[in-house]
Amino acid sequence: MVYPPDVELYERLSADQPELSQ
């Protein structure tokens, strides 16, 4: 999965939705 440069935001999302951390 490709995520934007805002890693902090991505990590926050992955905390709510661990399924996205693929």
N, C-alpha and C. Protein backbone atom coordinates (compact mmCIF):
# COMPACT_ATOMS: atom_id res chain seq x y z
N MET A 1 0.84 -1.20 0.00
CA MET A 1 0.00 0.00 0.00
C MET A 1 0.88 1.25 0.00
N VAL A 2 0.51 2.20 -0.84
CA VAL A 2 1.28 3.44 -0.93
C VAL A 2 0.64 4.51 -0.06
N TYR A 3 1.45 5.14 0.75
CA TYR A 3 0.92 6.17 1.63
C TYR A 3 1.68 7.48 1.43
N PRO A 4 1.04 8.60 1.72
CA PRO A 4 1.63 9.93 1.54
C PRO A 4 2.83 10.12 2.45
N PRO A 5 3.63 11.16 2.18
CA PRO A 5 4.84 11.43 2.97
C PRO A 5 4.54 11.68 4.45
N ASP A 6 3.29 11.99 4.74
CA ASP A 6 2.92 12.27 6.13
C ASP A 6 2.83 10.96 6.90
N VAL A 7 3.98 10.45 7.31
CA VAL A 7 4.04 9.15 7.97
C VAL A 7 3.31 9.19 9.31
N GLU A 8 3.39 10.31 9.98
CA GLU A 8 2.72 10.42 11.28
C GLU A 8 1.22 10.21 11.11
N LEU A 9 0.67 10.82 10.06
CA LEU A 9 -0.76 10.67 9.81
C LEU A 9 -1.07 9.22 9.47
N TYR A 10 -0.22 8.61 8.67
CA TYR A 10 -0.44 7.21 8.28
C TYR A 10 -0.39 6.30 9.49
N GLU A 11 0.57 6.55 10.36
CA GLU A 11 0.69 5.73 11.57
C GLU A 11 -0.55 5.90 12.44
N ARG A 12 -1.09 7.12 12.45
CA ARG A 12 -2.30 7.37 13.23
C ARG A 12 -3.47 6.57 12.66
N LEU A 13 -3.55 6.54 11.32
CA LEU A 13 -4.62 5.79 10.67
C LEU A 13 -4.45 4.31 10.91
N SER A 14 -3.21 3.84 10.84
CA SER A 14 -2.96 2.41 11.02
C SER A 14 -3.26 1.99 12.47
N ALA A 15 -3.21 2.95 13.37
CA ALA A 15 -3.52 2.66 14.77
C ALA A 15 -5.03 2.40 14.90
N ASP A 16 -5.80 3.14 14.10
CA ASP A 16 -7.25 2.95 14.13
C ASP A 16 -7.65 1.78 13.24
N GLN A 17 -6.90 1.60 12.13
CA GLN A 17 -7.23 0.55 11.17
C GLN A 17 -5.98 -0.26 10.84
N PRO A 18 -5.61 -1.19 11.71
CA PRO A 18 -4.40 -1.99 11.54
C PRO A 18 -4.39 -2.75 10.22
N GLU A 19 -5.55 -2.96 9.63
CA GLU A 19 -5.62 -3.70 8.37
C GLU A 19 -4.94 -2.94 7.24
N LEU A 20 -4.80 -1.62 7.40
CA LEU A 20 -4.20 -0.81 6.35
C LEU A 20 -2.68 -0.88 6.38
N SER A 21 -2.12 -1.46 7.41
CA SER A 21 -0.67 -1.47 7.55
C SER A 21 -0.03 -2.61 6.76
N GLN A 22 -0.56 -2.90 5.59
CA GLN A 22 0.01 -3.96 4.75
C GLN A 22 1.00 -3.36 3.77
